[in-house]
N, C-alpha and C. Protein backbone atom coordinates (compact mmCIF):
# COMPACT_ATOMS: atom_id res chain seq x y z
N MET A 1 48.53 30.77 3.34
CA MET A 1 48.56 30.39 1.95
C MET A 1 47.90 31.46 1.09
N HIS A 2 48.53 31.82 0.02
CA HIS A 2 48.03 32.85 -0.88
C HIS A 2 47.17 32.21 -1.96
N LYS A 3 45.91 32.64 -2.05
CA LYS A 3 45.01 32.08 -3.07
C LYS A 3 45.36 32.65 -4.44
N THR A 4 45.47 31.78 -5.42
CA THR A 4 45.72 32.23 -6.79
C THR A 4 44.45 32.21 -7.63
N MET A 5 43.41 31.53 -7.15
CA MET A 5 42.14 31.46 -7.86
C MET A 5 41.03 32.03 -6.98
N MET A 6 40.03 32.60 -7.64
CA MET A 6 38.87 33.14 -6.94
C MET A 6 37.64 32.39 -7.41
N ASP A 7 36.67 32.23 -6.51
CA ASP A 7 35.39 31.64 -6.89
C ASP A 7 34.29 32.69 -6.70
N ALA A 8 33.06 32.29 -6.92
CA ALA A 8 31.95 33.23 -6.85
C ALA A 8 31.80 33.85 -5.46
N THR A 9 32.11 33.10 -4.42
CA THR A 9 32.03 33.64 -3.06
C THR A 9 33.03 34.78 -2.89
N ASP A 10 34.26 34.59 -3.40
CA ASP A 10 35.28 35.63 -3.32
C ASP A 10 34.85 36.88 -4.10
N VAL A 11 34.31 36.66 -5.30
CA VAL A 11 33.87 37.78 -6.14
C VAL A 11 32.72 38.53 -5.46
N ALA A 12 31.77 37.79 -4.91
CA ALA A 12 30.63 38.42 -4.22
C ALA A 12 31.11 39.28 -3.05
N GLN A 13 32.06 38.77 -2.28
CA GLN A 13 32.58 39.53 -1.15
C GLN A 13 33.35 40.76 -1.62
N ALA A 14 34.16 40.60 -2.66
CA ALA A 14 34.97 41.73 -3.14
C ALA A 14 34.11 42.86 -3.68
N LEU A 15 32.99 42.51 -4.33
CA LEU A 15 32.14 43.53 -4.95
C LEU A 15 30.91 43.89 -4.14
N GLY A 16 30.65 43.13 -3.07
CA GLY A 16 29.46 43.40 -2.26
C GLY A 16 28.18 43.10 -3.03
N ILE A 17 28.17 42.00 -3.79
CA ILE A 17 27.01 41.62 -4.59
C ILE A 17 26.55 40.22 -4.18
N SER A 18 25.43 39.79 -4.74
CA SER A 18 24.92 38.45 -4.44
C SER A 18 25.78 37.39 -5.12
N LYS A 19 25.72 36.18 -4.56
CA LYS A 19 26.48 35.08 -5.17
C LYS A 19 25.97 34.76 -6.57
N SER A 20 24.67 34.88 -6.80
CA SER A 20 24.15 34.58 -8.13
C SER A 20 24.70 35.56 -9.17
N HIS A 21 24.81 36.82 -8.81
CA HIS A 21 25.40 37.79 -9.74
C HIS A 21 26.89 37.52 -9.91
N ALA A 22 27.55 37.13 -8.84
CA ALA A 22 28.97 36.81 -8.90
C ALA A 22 29.23 35.63 -9.83
N TYR A 23 28.35 34.62 -9.81
CA TYR A 23 28.49 33.48 -10.72
C TYR A 23 28.43 33.94 -12.17
N LYS A 24 27.55 34.89 -12.47
CA LYS A 24 27.45 35.41 -13.83
C LYS A 24 28.75 36.08 -14.25
N ILE A 25 29.35 36.83 -13.34
CA ILE A 25 30.62 37.50 -13.64
C ILE A 25 31.73 36.48 -13.87
N VAL A 26 31.78 35.45 -13.02
CA VAL A 26 32.80 34.40 -13.18
C VAL A 26 32.63 33.71 -14.53
N ARG A 27 31.39 33.40 -14.91
CA ARG A 27 31.15 32.76 -16.21
C ARG A 27 31.60 33.66 -17.35
N GLU A 28 31.31 34.95 -17.27
CA GLU A 28 31.72 35.89 -18.32
C GLU A 28 33.24 35.96 -18.43
N LEU A 29 33.91 36.06 -17.30
CA LEU A 29 35.37 36.11 -17.32
C LEU A 29 35.96 34.81 -17.86
N ASN A 30 35.36 33.67 -17.52
CA ASN A 30 35.82 32.39 -18.05
C ASN A 30 35.64 32.33 -19.57
N ARG A 31 34.52 32.86 -20.07
CA ARG A 31 34.31 32.91 -21.53
C ARG A 31 35.40 33.73 -22.20
N ASP A 32 35.72 34.88 -21.60
CA ASP A 32 36.77 35.74 -22.15
C ASP A 32 38.11 35.02 -22.19
N LEU A 33 38.44 34.35 -21.09
CA LEU A 33 39.71 33.63 -21.02
C LEU A 33 39.75 32.49 -22.04
N LYS A 34 38.67 31.75 -22.15
CA LYS A 34 38.62 30.63 -23.09
C LYS A 34 38.75 31.12 -24.53
N SER A 35 38.08 32.21 -24.86
CA SER A 35 38.16 32.73 -26.23
C SER A 35 39.55 33.27 -26.55
N ALA A 36 40.31 33.62 -25.51
CA ALA A 36 41.68 34.09 -25.70
C ALA A 36 42.67 32.91 -25.74
N GLY A 37 42.14 31.68 -25.63
CA GLY A 37 42.99 30.51 -25.74
C GLY A 37 43.50 29.92 -24.44
N TYR A 38 43.02 30.43 -23.31
CA TYR A 38 43.47 29.93 -22.02
C TYR A 38 42.64 28.73 -21.58
N ILE A 39 43.21 27.86 -20.79
CA ILE A 39 42.48 26.78 -20.16
C ILE A 39 41.74 27.37 -18.96
N VAL A 40 40.46 27.05 -18.83
CA VAL A 40 39.68 27.59 -17.72
C VAL A 40 39.23 26.47 -16.80
N ILE A 41 39.00 26.82 -15.56
CA ILE A 41 38.43 25.92 -14.57
C ILE A 41 37.05 26.48 -14.24
N ALA A 42 36.03 25.70 -14.52
CA ALA A 42 34.66 26.17 -14.30
C ALA A 42 34.47 26.62 -12.85
N GLY A 43 33.89 27.80 -12.70
CA GLY A 43 33.59 28.32 -11.37
C GLY A 43 34.74 29.03 -10.70
N LYS A 44 35.88 29.13 -11.37
CA LYS A 44 37.04 29.80 -10.78
C LYS A 44 37.71 30.69 -11.82
N ILE A 45 38.30 31.77 -11.33
CA ILE A 45 39.07 32.65 -12.20
C ILE A 45 40.40 32.96 -11.52
N PRO A 46 41.45 33.14 -12.30
CA PRO A 46 42.74 33.50 -11.70
C PRO A 46 42.65 34.88 -11.03
N LYS A 47 43.19 34.99 -9.85
CA LYS A 47 43.16 36.26 -9.12
C LYS A 47 43.87 37.35 -9.91
N ALA A 48 44.96 36.99 -10.59
CA ALA A 48 45.69 37.99 -11.39
C ALA A 48 44.81 38.55 -12.50
N TYR A 49 44.01 37.70 -13.14
CA TYR A 49 43.10 38.17 -14.20
C TYR A 49 42.01 39.04 -13.61
N TRP A 50 41.51 38.64 -12.46
CA TRP A 50 40.51 39.45 -11.74
C TRP A 50 41.04 40.85 -11.49
N GLU A 51 42.26 40.93 -10.96
CA GLU A 51 42.85 42.24 -10.65
C GLU A 51 43.06 43.07 -11.90
N GLN A 52 43.44 42.42 -12.99
CA GLN A 52 43.62 43.13 -14.25
C GLN A 52 42.30 43.72 -14.74
N ARG A 53 41.25 42.91 -14.73
CA ARG A 53 39.96 43.36 -15.25
C ARG A 53 39.26 44.38 -14.36
N PHE A 54 39.39 44.24 -13.05
CA PHE A 54 38.64 45.14 -12.16
C PHE A 54 39.47 46.27 -11.58
N TYR A 55 40.78 46.13 -11.58
CA TYR A 55 41.60 47.17 -10.97
C TYR A 55 42.72 47.62 -11.89
N GLY A 56 42.65 47.29 -13.15
CA GLY A 56 43.65 47.72 -14.11
C GLY A 56 45.02 47.12 -13.88
N GLY A 57 45.06 45.97 -13.21
CA GLY A 57 46.32 45.28 -12.99
C GLY A 57 47.04 45.68 -11.73
N SER A 58 46.55 46.69 -11.03
CA SER A 58 47.21 47.06 -9.77
C SER A 58 46.81 46.09 -8.69
N ASN A 59 47.40 46.21 -7.55
CA ASN A 59 47.22 45.23 -6.48
C ASN A 59 46.23 45.71 -5.42
N HIS A 60 45.15 46.39 -5.80
CA HIS A 60 44.18 46.93 -4.86
C HIS A 60 43.41 45.85 -4.11
N ALA A 61 43.19 44.70 -4.74
CA ALA A 61 42.31 43.69 -4.16
C ALA A 61 42.99 42.87 -3.06
N SER A 62 44.28 42.99 -2.87
CA SER A 62 44.98 42.16 -1.89
C SER A 62 44.69 42.57 -0.47
């Protein structure tokens, strides 16, 4: 099954950072999405948005 959403654990693993720092990043990305008019799910971010913000939209994170 292909995950379409990422949580703080996924972000921490992808960036090699602590979960507490990953939670801060997830919250920031959720704020950005909400201010752009998107519906957000607390504690999760769309993988496609993650790839856009951290890899310029390419598929490096797969």
